[in-house]
Amino acid sequence: MVDTTSGLYRRFAIGLVTTALQDTPVVIVTGPRQCGKTTLVRSLVKGDRAFITLDDDIILASARSDPAGLVRGFDKATIDEVQRAPDLLRAIKRSVDEDRRAGRFLLTGSANLLTVPRISESLAGRMEIVNLLPLSRAEIYGHKPGFLKAAFQGKVSKHERILTGKDLVEAVLIGGYPEMLRRKEPERRRAWARDYIRAIVQRDVRDIAEVERLDQMPRLLQVLAHHSGQLTNFTQMGGQIGLDDKTTRKYVGVLEQLFLVRRVQPWFRNQLKRLVKTPKLHFLDSGLLAALLGATTEQVARDRAIFGKLLETFVYSEVLNQISWMESSCTLYHYRDKDQDEVDLVVEDGGAIVGIEVKASATVNIGDFKGLRKLAGACGDDFKLGVVLYDGERVAPFGKHLFAAPLSCLWG
């Protein structure tokens, strides 16, 4: 059992980082601010490895004015928040071209460095990227889950730590940011989330992009919160705050770079003509989404519709975390056809398919499997499992490769 007040959690990505440092010159840990990147890399700092952070104004000024000089002073170094000085990556590239020993540079970045426009030279072949997201329930409980591995074998994983009802609602509203977990009072969590968003807009957005209407970014996030889990319509979303389609696309792209939201592409195969081919938008953390929506336990009790949106984000984050720990290269999609039948999440691994439908209810019926049955028909033998995750405790079969299962199976 982990003490959730201490902030000391075992991050399952640490094994990926440790392995990469043994054979790769540059290892970059990327993910949203305050998700635990600095804590993770500090745990790997040894006596022969320097640690610097570009959140230090003096170090940042040095990195921007003389990146080559800064890098020249290190044999091995851990550099925190490297996206704040993109030219530093070019200096690192030149350094590792001269000395390609493994593990020379361990970096963290609160932006997707491969999509930052000012980074013109690639570290391809010299680096490995490890993604770190806010804490999953499995990490909070200290037990590495086997949900996806079992799913691709056509099985539902066992679940021992059951969350249902009010306990599940509480977990969803808190999410996975360590600072949110430390705060017991909902208003304190919302206050942290407001400050977090303000800091990102005022600092990180400026670091990675030229944004003409910076004051609109918090308002855009509020709009996106209400569209989370829905098909993207940039004209509609931007129109609510006076932004045109092109500007909205650009600003959403910036928020994606900062790991706040992500577009989930539709799953389809060329022979399938009746599928909707529009991405869906998801937040990467249900707690941050809940804070933006002002969702409370009282509101969820009155309106389960808002909980459905939050629960889908919660499941999306849990699955995304598990994909990041797996050695296989799974890809995450959604499914929707012209008849409006859909599957919330489709996970593909080498052609094998697992479908996941999320239901914010304690009951499941045959109609909840309509989208999964269509997906199974489209996939044939590639379909390994379709599961409706619900707010309950029992696993129940609903046909070949189809099951209703407790949400707790996610961290089983």
Protein backbone atom coordinates (compact mmCIF):
# COMPACT_ATOMS: atom_id res chain seq x y z
CA MET A 1 0.00 0.00 0.00
CA VAL A 2 1.35 3.43 -0.95
CA ASP A 3 1.04 6.44 1.34
CA THR A 4 -0.90 8.80 -0.94
CA THR A 5 -0.04 11.83 1.18
CA SER A 6 3.70 11.50 0.70
CA GLY A 7 3.81 11.76 -3.08
CA LEU A 8 6.22 8.78 -3.21
CA TYR A 9 4.83 6.56 -5.93
CA ARG A 10 6.51 3.87 -7.97
CA ARG A 11 6.35 5.04 -11.57
CA PHE A 12 6.21 2.10 -13.93
CA ALA A 13 7.99 4.10 -16.65
CA ILE A 14 11.20 4.13 -14.62
CA GLY A 15 12.18 0.73 -15.98
CA LEU A 16 11.93 2.08 -19.54
CA VAL A 17 14.15 5.04 -18.64
CA THR A 18 16.75 2.87 -16.88
CA THR A 19 16.95 0.48 -19.82
CA ALA A 20 17.26 3.30 -22.36
CA LEU A 21 20.11 4.93 -20.41
CA GLN A 22 22.13 1.74 -20.85
CA ASP A 23 22.26 1.89 -24.64
CA THR A 24 21.09 5.33 -25.85
CA PRO A 25 23.05 8.63 -25.67
CA VAL A 26 20.00 10.87 -25.08
CA VAL A 27 16.89 9.86 -23.14
CA ILE A 28 13.99 12.30 -22.94
CA VAL A 29 11.14 11.96 -20.44
CA THR A 30 8.19 13.97 -21.72
CA GLY A 31 4.79 14.69 -20.23
CA PRO A 32 2.67 17.45 -18.72
CA ARG A 33 4.05 19.73 -16.04
CA GLN A 34 3.65 18.51 -12.47
CA CYS A 35 3.10 14.88 -13.49
CA GLY A 36 6.26 13.66 -11.75
CA LYS A 37 9.03 13.88 -14.40
CA THR A 38 11.49 15.77 -12.20
CA THR A 39 10.92 13.40 -9.27
CA LEU A 40 11.54 10.42 -11.56
CA VAL A 41 14.79 11.70 -13.10
CA ARG A 42 16.13 12.96 -9.75
CA SER A 43 15.85 9.40 -8.48
CA LEU A 44 18.28 8.39 -11.24
CA VAL A 45 20.87 11.11 -10.57
CA LYS A 46 24.14 9.51 -9.50
CA GLY A 47 27.34 11.09 -8.24
CA ASP A 48 28.84 11.51 -11.73
CA ARG A 49 25.74 13.12 -13.25
CA ALA A 50 25.02 16.85 -12.94
CA PHE A 51 21.43 18.06 -12.49
CA ILE A 52 20.23 21.44 -13.75
CA THR A 53 16.76 22.86 -14.37
CA LEU A 54 15.83 25.47 -16.93
CA ASP A 55 13.18 26.74 -14.51
CA ASP A 56 16.19 28.47 -12.90
CA ASP A 57 16.36 31.89 -14.58
CA ILE A 58 20.17 32.07 -14.51
CA ILE A 59 20.60 28.61 -16.02
CA LEU A 60 17.90 29.40 -18.60
CA ALA A 61 19.69 32.60 -19.64
CA SER A 62 22.94 30.66 -20.01
CA ALA A 63 21.26 27.93 -22.05
CA ARG A 64 19.73 30.47 -24.41
CA SER A 65 22.80 32.69 -24.84
CA ASP A 66 25.51 30.00 -25.02
CA PRO A 67 24.00 26.52 -25.34
CA ALA A 68 27.23 24.98 -26.67
CA GLY A 69 29.21 26.38 -23.75
CA LEU A 70 26.72 25.01 -21.22
CA VAL A 71 26.72 21.53 -22.75
CA ARG A 72 30.53 21.52 -23.06
CA GLY A 73 30.82 21.65 -19.29
CA PHE A 74 29.08 18.28 -18.78
CA ASP A 75 30.28 14.72 -19.10
CA LYS A 76 26.86 13.38 -18.10
CA ALA A 77 23.91 15.58 -17.22
CA THR A 78 20.23 15.58 -16.35
CA ILE A 79 18.53 18.69 -17.73
CA ASP A 80 15.01 19.53 -16.57
CA GLU A 81 12.42 21.37 -18.75
CA VAL A 82 14.62 21.40 -21.84
CA GLN A 83 11.82 22.75 -24.07
CA ARG A 84 12.48 26.20 -22.59
CA ALA A 85 15.74 26.45 -24.61
CA PRO A 86 15.24 24.58 -27.90
CA ASP A 87 18.71 25.51 -29.20
CA LEU A 88 20.16 23.43 -26.37
CA LEU A 89 19.07 20.29 -28.22
CA ARG A 90 21.22 21.22 -31.21
CA ALA A 91 24.21 21.64 -28.89
CA ILE A 92 23.43 18.25 -27.34
CA LYS A 93 23.25 16.71 -30.81
CA ARG A 94 26.71 18.00 -31.68
CA SER A 95 28.08 16.77 -28.35
CA VAL A 96 26.75 13.22 -28.73
CA ASP A 97 27.96 13.09 -32.34
CA GLU A 98 31.47 13.50 -30.90
CA ASP A 99 30.89 11.15 -27.94
CA ARG A 100 28.10 8.61 -28.31
CA ARG A 101 28.41 6.91 -24.94
CA ALA A 102 25.10 5.67 -23.60
CA GLY A 103 23.26 7.71 -20.99
CA ARG A 104 25.09 10.99 -21.50
CA PHE A 105 22.00 13.18 -21.36
CA LEU A 106 18.78 12.54 -19.46
CA LEU A 107 16.28 15.27 -20.31
CA THR A 108 12.75 16.18 -19.31
CA GLY A 109 10.32 18.22 -21.36
CA SER A 110 6.84 19.51 -20.67
CA ALA A 111 6.18 19.80 -24.40
CA ASN A 112 6.24 17.29 -27.23
CA LEU A 113 9.70 18.21 -28.50
CA LEU A 114 9.21 16.57 -31.89
CA THR A 115 6.41 19.01 -32.72
CA VAL A 116 8.02 22.25 -31.48
CA PRO A 117 8.61 24.29 -34.70
CA ARG A 118 11.87 25.90 -33.57
CA ILE A 119 13.59 22.55 -33.12
CA SER A 120 14.81 22.11 -36.69
CA GLU A 121 17.44 19.41 -36.20
CA SER A 122 16.51 15.89 -35.23
CA LEU A 123 18.04 13.72 -32.56
CA ALA A 124 16.74 10.68 -34.43
CA GLY A 125 18.98 7.68 -33.89
CA ARG A 126 20.54 9.30 -30.84
CA MET A 127 17.57 9.48 -28.49
CA GLU A 128 14.73 7.56 -26.94
CA ILE A 129 11.55 9.22 -25.71
CA VAL A 130 9.70 7.91 -22.66
CA ASN A 131 6.25 9.37 -22.06
CA LEU A 132 5.11 10.04 -18.51
CA LEU A 133 1.49 10.88 -17.75
CA PRO A 134 -0.26 11.80 -14.51
CA LEU A 135 -0.44 8.88 -12.09
CA SER A 136 -2.65 5.94 -12.97
CA ARG A 137 -4.70 4.15 -10.34
CA ALA A 138 -2.39 1.15 -10.75
CA GLU A 139 0.62 3.31 -9.80
CA ILE A 140 -1.27 4.81 -6.87
CA TYR A 141 -2.00 1.29 -5.64
CA GLY A 142 1.52 0.08 -6.45
CA HIS A 143 0.44 -2.87 -8.63
CA LYS A 144 1.36 -3.12 -12.30
CA PRO A 145 -1.80 -4.11 -14.20
CA GLY A 146 -2.30 -6.82 -16.78
CA PHE A 147 -5.55 -5.53 -18.28
CA LEU A 148 -4.37 -4.96 -21.86
CA LYS A 149 -2.16 -8.04 -21.98
CA ALA A 150 -5.10 -10.19 -20.88
CA ALA A 151 -7.46 -8.40 -23.28
CA PHE A 152 -5.33 -9.25 -26.32
CA GLN A 153 -5.50 -12.87 -25.15
CA GLY A 154 -9.30 -12.64 -25.13
CA LYS A 155 -9.53 -12.53 -21.34
CA VAL A 156 -10.70 -10.11 -18.67
CA SER A 157 -8.08 -9.50 -15.99
CA LYS A 158 -8.82 -10.23 -12.34
CA HIS A 159 -9.67 -7.32 -10.07
CA GLU A 160 -9.01 -7.18 -6.35
CA ARG A 161 -9.13 -3.48 -5.45
CA ILE A 162 -12.71 -2.58 -6.34
CA LEU A 163 -13.85 1.02 -6.78
CA THR A 164 -17.58 1.61 -7.20
CA GLY A 165 -20.15 4.27 -6.46
CA LYS A 166 -18.92 7.27 -4.46
CA ASP A 167 -15.36 5.93 -4.24
CA LEU A 168 -15.16 5.71 -8.03
CA VAL A 169 -16.58 9.22 -8.43
CA GLU A 170 -13.99 10.56 -5.98
CA ALA A 171 -11.13 8.86 -7.85
CA VAL A 172 -12.32 10.26 -11.18
CA LEU A 173 -12.71 13.80 -9.81
CA ILE A 174 -9.20 13.74 -8.32
CA GLY A 175 -7.40 12.32 -11.36
CA GLY A 176 -3.68 11.59 -11.34
CA TYR A 177 -1.68 14.76 -10.73
CA PRO A 178 0.32 14.23 -7.51
CA GLU A 179 -0.60 17.72 -6.25
CA MET A 180 -4.30 16.96 -6.71
CA LEU A 181 -3.89 13.74 -4.75
CA ARG A 182 -2.29 15.59 -1.86
CA ARG A 183 -5.21 17.98 -1.49
CA LYS A 184 -8.11 16.50 0.45
CA GLU A 185 -10.60 19.34 -0.06
CA PRO A 186 -12.24 19.68 -3.51
CA GLU A 187 -11.95 23.49 -3.46
CA ARG A 188 -8.22 23.22 -2.80
CA ARG A 189 -7.90 20.91 -5.82
CA ARG A 190 -9.81 23.33 -8.02
CA ALA A 191 -7.62 26.21 -6.82
CA TRP A 192 -4.49 24.26 -7.74
CA ALA A 193 -5.90 23.44 -11.17
CA ARG A 194 -6.67 27.12 -11.85
CA ASP A 195 -3.13 28.13 -10.88
CA TYR A 196 -1.69 25.28 -12.93
CA ILE A 197 -3.50 26.35 -16.09
CA ARG A 198 -2.56 29.99 -15.52
CA ALA A 199 1.12 29.09 -15.15
CA ILE A 200 1.13 26.96 -18.31
CA VAL A 201 -0.48 29.72 -20.37
CA GLN A 202 1.81 32.45 -19.06
CA ARG A 203 5.06 30.47 -19.32
CA ASP A 204 4.98 27.27 -21.35
CA VAL A 205 2.80 28.50 -24.20
CA ARG A 206 5.17 31.44 -24.69
CA ASP A 207 8.15 29.08 -24.74
CA ILE A 208 6.94 26.89 -27.59
CA ALA A 209 4.67 29.00 -29.81
CA GLU A 210 3.83 32.45 -31.08
CA VAL A 211 0.27 32.95 -29.86
CA GLU A 212 -1.31 36.25 -30.82
CA ARG A 213 -4.28 36.01 -28.44
CA LEU A 214 -2.75 34.46 -25.36
CA ASP A 215 -5.64 35.65 -23.19
CA GLN A 216 -7.97 33.33 -25.13
CA MET A 217 -6.13 30.14 -24.19
CA PRO A 218 -7.81 29.66 -20.77
CA ARG A 219 -11.19 30.36 -22.36
CA LEU A 220 -10.45 27.87 -25.12
CA LEU A 221 -9.59 25.23 -22.53
CA GLN A 222 -12.97 25.83 -20.89
CA VAL A 223 -14.69 25.33 -24.24
CA LEU A 224 -12.67 22.19 -24.96
CA ALA A 225 -13.65 20.81 -21.55
CA HIS A 226 -17.29 20.87 -22.62
CA HIS A 227 -16.35 19.13 -25.90
CA SER A 228 -14.17 16.44 -24.30
CA GLY A 229 -15.00 12.99 -25.64
CA GLN A 230 -16.77 14.46 -28.69
CA LEU A 231 -15.86 14.63 -32.37
CA THR A 232 -13.70 17.65 -33.14
CA ASN A 233 -15.41 20.61 -34.79
CA PHE A 234 -12.94 23.50 -34.76
CA THR A 235 -15.36 25.99 -36.28
CA GLN A 236 -17.92 25.31 -33.57
CA MET A 237 -15.41 25.26 -30.71
CA GLY A 238 -13.57 28.43 -31.75
CA GLY A 239 -16.76 30.25 -32.66
CA GLN A 240 -17.83 30.25 -29.02
CA ILE A 241 -14.96 32.61 -28.14
CA GLY A 242 -14.53 34.47 -31.44
CA LEU A 243 -11.72 32.39 -32.97
CA ASP A 244 -11.76 31.22 -36.58
CA ASP A 245 -11.20 27.61 -37.64
CA LYS A 246 -7.51 28.08 -38.52
CA THR A 247 -6.62 29.82 -35.24
CA THR A 248 -8.55 27.26 -33.20
CA ARG A 249 -6.67 24.40 -34.87
CA LYS A 250 -3.37 26.12 -34.12
CA TYR A 251 -4.22 26.75 -30.47
CA VAL A 252 -5.53 23.21 -29.92
CA GLY A 253 -2.26 21.99 -31.44
CA VAL A 254 -0.34 24.02 -28.85
CA LEU A 255 -2.40 22.50 -26.04
CA GLU A 256 -1.65 19.06 -27.48
CA GLN A 257 2.06 19.85 -27.48
CA LEU A 258 1.75 20.65 -23.77
CA PHE A 259 0.04 17.30 -23.04
CA LEU A 260 -3.24 18.82 -21.85
CA VAL A 261 -5.46 17.42 -24.60
CA ARG A 262 -5.07 14.90 -27.39
CA ARG A 263 -6.95 14.04 -30.54
CA VAL A 264 -7.84 10.36 -30.90
CA GLN A 265 -7.97 9.27 -34.52
CA PRO A 266 -10.84 7.16 -35.88
CA TRP A 267 -10.30 3.47 -36.54
CA PHE A 268 -11.19 2.27 -40.01
CA ARG A 269 -10.12 -0.07 -42.76
CA ASN A 270 -10.15 0.90 -46.41
CA GLN A 271 -13.04 -1.39 -47.35
CA LEU A 272 -15.33 0.13 -44.72
CA LYS A 273 -17.19 3.02 -46.34
CA ARG A 274 -19.70 3.92 -43.63
CA LEU A 275 -17.38 4.95 -40.85
CA VAL A 276 -17.01 8.47 -39.48
CA LYS A 277 -13.41 9.59 -40.02
CA THR A 278 -13.26 12.55 -37.63
CA PRO A 279 -10.98 12.55 -34.56
CA LYS A 280 -12.31 12.85 -31.02
CA LEU A 281 -10.86 15.21 -28.45
CA HIS A 282 -9.79 13.97 -25.01
CA PHE A 283 -8.22 15.56 -21.97
CA LEU A 284 -5.33 13.55 -20.56
CA ASP A 285 -6.46 13.78 -16.94
CA SER A 286 -9.96 13.49 -15.51
CA GLY A 287 -9.13 15.61 -12.45
CA LEU A 288 -8.05 18.58 -14.55
CA LEU A 289 -11.14 18.16 -16.73
CA ALA A 290 -13.35 18.03 -13.63
CA ALA A 291 -11.80 21.25 -12.32
CA LEU A 292 -12.42 23.01 -15.64
CA LEU A 293 -16.04 21.84 -15.64
CA GLY A 294 -16.50 22.75 -11.98
CA ALA A 295 -17.71 19.20 -11.37
CA THR A 296 -18.36 18.14 -7.77
CA THR A 297 -19.62 14.98 -6.11
CA GLU A 298 -22.95 16.74 -5.51
CA GLN A 299 -23.24 17.72 -9.18
CA VAL A 300 -22.39 14.20 -10.33
CA ALA A 301 -25.09 12.82 -8.02
CA ARG A 302 -27.63 15.09 -9.74
CA ASP A 303 -26.33 14.71 -13.31
CA ARG A 304 -24.76 11.40 -14.35
CA ALA A 305 -24.26 12.75 -17.88
CA ILE A 306 -21.33 14.88 -16.74
CA PHE A 307 -19.87 11.86 -14.97
CA GLY A 308 -19.98 9.89 -18.22
CA LYS A 309 -17.71 12.48 -19.86
CA LEU A 310 -15.31 12.43 -16.91
CA LEU A 311 -15.32 8.63 -16.66
CA GLU A 312 -14.43 8.22 -20.33
CA THR A 313 -11.45 10.55 -19.81
CA PHE A 314 -10.46 8.58 -16.71
CA VAL A 315 -10.49 5.28 -18.64
CA TYR A 316 -8.70 6.88 -21.59
CA SER A 317 -5.89 8.01 -19.27
CA GLU A 318 -5.61 4.59 -17.63
CA VAL A 319 -5.39 2.81 -21.00
CA LEU A 320 -2.95 5.40 -22.39
CA ASN A 321 -0.71 4.83 -19.36
CA GLN A 322 -0.75 1.08 -19.87
CA ILE A 323 0.12 1.44 -23.54
CA SER A 324 3.13 3.57 -22.59
CA TRP A 325 4.48 0.76 -20.36
CA MET A 326 4.04 -2.04 -22.89
CA GLU A 327 6.89 -3.21 -25.09
CA SER A 328 4.53 -3.63 -28.05
CA SER A 329 3.49 -0.61 -30.10
CA CYS A 330 -0.24 -0.34 -29.42
CA THR A 331 -2.23 2.44 -31.03
CA LEU A 332 -5.38 4.00 -29.61
CA TYR A 333 -8.42 4.90 -31.76
CA HIS A 334 -12.16 5.41 -31.52
CA TYR A 335 -14.90 3.83 -33.68
CA ARG A 336 -18.05 5.48 -34.99
CA ASP A 337 -20.21 4.70 -38.01
CA LYS A 338 -22.82 6.62 -39.97
CA ASP A 339 -25.58 5.09 -37.83
CA GLN A 340 -24.00 6.76 -34.76
CA ASP A 341 -23.01 3.41 -33.27
CA GLU A 342 -19.63 3.78 -31.59
CA VAL A 343 -16.93 2.30 -29.40
CA ASP A 344 -15.21 4.70 -27.04
CA LEU A 345 -11.71 3.23 -27.35
CA VAL A 346 -10.19 0.83 -29.87
CA VAL A 347 -6.72 -0.53 -29.09
CA GLU A 348 -4.79 -2.07 -32.00
CA ASP A 349 -1.60 -4.10 -31.68
CA GLY A 350 -0.18 -5.58 -34.87
CA GLY A 351 -3.65 -5.92 -36.37
CA ALA A 352 -5.22 -7.44 -33.24
CA ILE A 353 -8.14 -5.38 -31.90
CA VAL A 354 -9.60 -4.76 -28.45
CA GLY A 355 -12.70 -2.60 -28.07
CA ILE A 356 -13.57 -0.74 -24.86
CA GLU A 357 -16.92 0.89 -24.14
CA VAL A 358 -17.34 2.97 -20.96
CA LYS A 359 -20.63 3.14 -19.08
CA ALA A 360 -21.26 5.32 -16.03
CA SER A 361 -23.88 2.97 -14.64
CA ALA A 362 -24.16 -0.01 -12.29
CA THR A 363 -26.12 -2.01 -14.88
CA VAL A 364 -25.33 -3.30 -18.38
CA ASN A 365 -27.70 -4.60 -21.06
CA ILE A 366 -27.36 -6.16 -24.50
CA GLY A 367 -27.89 -2.80 -26.22
CA ASP A 368 -24.64 -1.50 -24.72
CA PHE A 369 -22.75 -3.92 -26.98
CA LYS A 370 -24.16 -2.67 -30.31
CA GLY A 371 -21.03 -0.74 -31.31
CA LEU A 372 -18.72 -3.52 -30.13
CA ARG A 373 -20.64 -6.09 -32.19
CA LYS A 374 -20.25 -3.91 -35.29
CA LEU A 375 -16.54 -3.50 -34.58
CA ALA A 376 -16.19 -7.25 -34.14
CA GLY A 377 -17.94 -7.82 -37.47
CA ALA A 378 -15.58 -5.39 -39.20
CA CYS A 379 -12.48 -7.03 -37.71
CA GLY A 380 -13.27 -10.71 -38.09
CA ASP A 381 -10.64 -12.93 -36.50
CA ASP A 382 -8.58 -9.88 -35.53
CA PHE A 383 -11.15 -9.01 -32.86
CA LYS A 384 -9.82 -10.36 -29.56
CA LEU A 385 -12.08 -8.80 -26.94
CA GLY A 386 -14.90 -6.32 -26.53
CA VAL A 387 -15.61 -5.08 -23.03
CA VAL A 388 -18.15 -2.71 -21.51
CA LEU A 389 -16.55 -1.27 -18.37
CA TYR A 390 -19.18 -0.31 -15.82
CA ASP A 391 -19.65 0.83 -12.22
CA GLY A 392 -20.08 -2.64 -10.77
CA GLU A 393 -18.29 -5.67 -9.34
CA ARG A 394 -19.07 -8.70 -11.56
CA VAL A 395 -17.72 -9.96 -14.88
CA ALA A 396 -20.47 -11.27 -17.17
CA PRO A 397 -20.31 -12.71 -20.72
CA PHE A 398 -22.51 -11.18 -23.44
CA GLY A 399 -21.50 -13.27 -26.45
CA LYS A 400 -18.34 -14.46 -28.18
CA HIS A 401 -15.39 -12.33 -26.99
CA LEU A 402 -17.82 -9.86 -25.35
CA PHE A 403 -17.94 -9.12 -21.63
CA ALA A 404 -19.27 -6.63 -19.13
CA ALA A 405 -16.57 -5.98 -16.55
CA PRO A 406 -15.98 -3.71 -13.56
CA LEU A 407 -13.91 -0.60 -14.16
CA SER A 408 -11.64 -2.00 -11.46
CA CYS A 409 -10.37 -4.55 -14.02
CA LEU A 410 -8.29 -1.69 -15.47
CA TRP A 411 -5.82 -1.95 -12.62
CA GLY A 412 -6.22 -5.68 -12.01
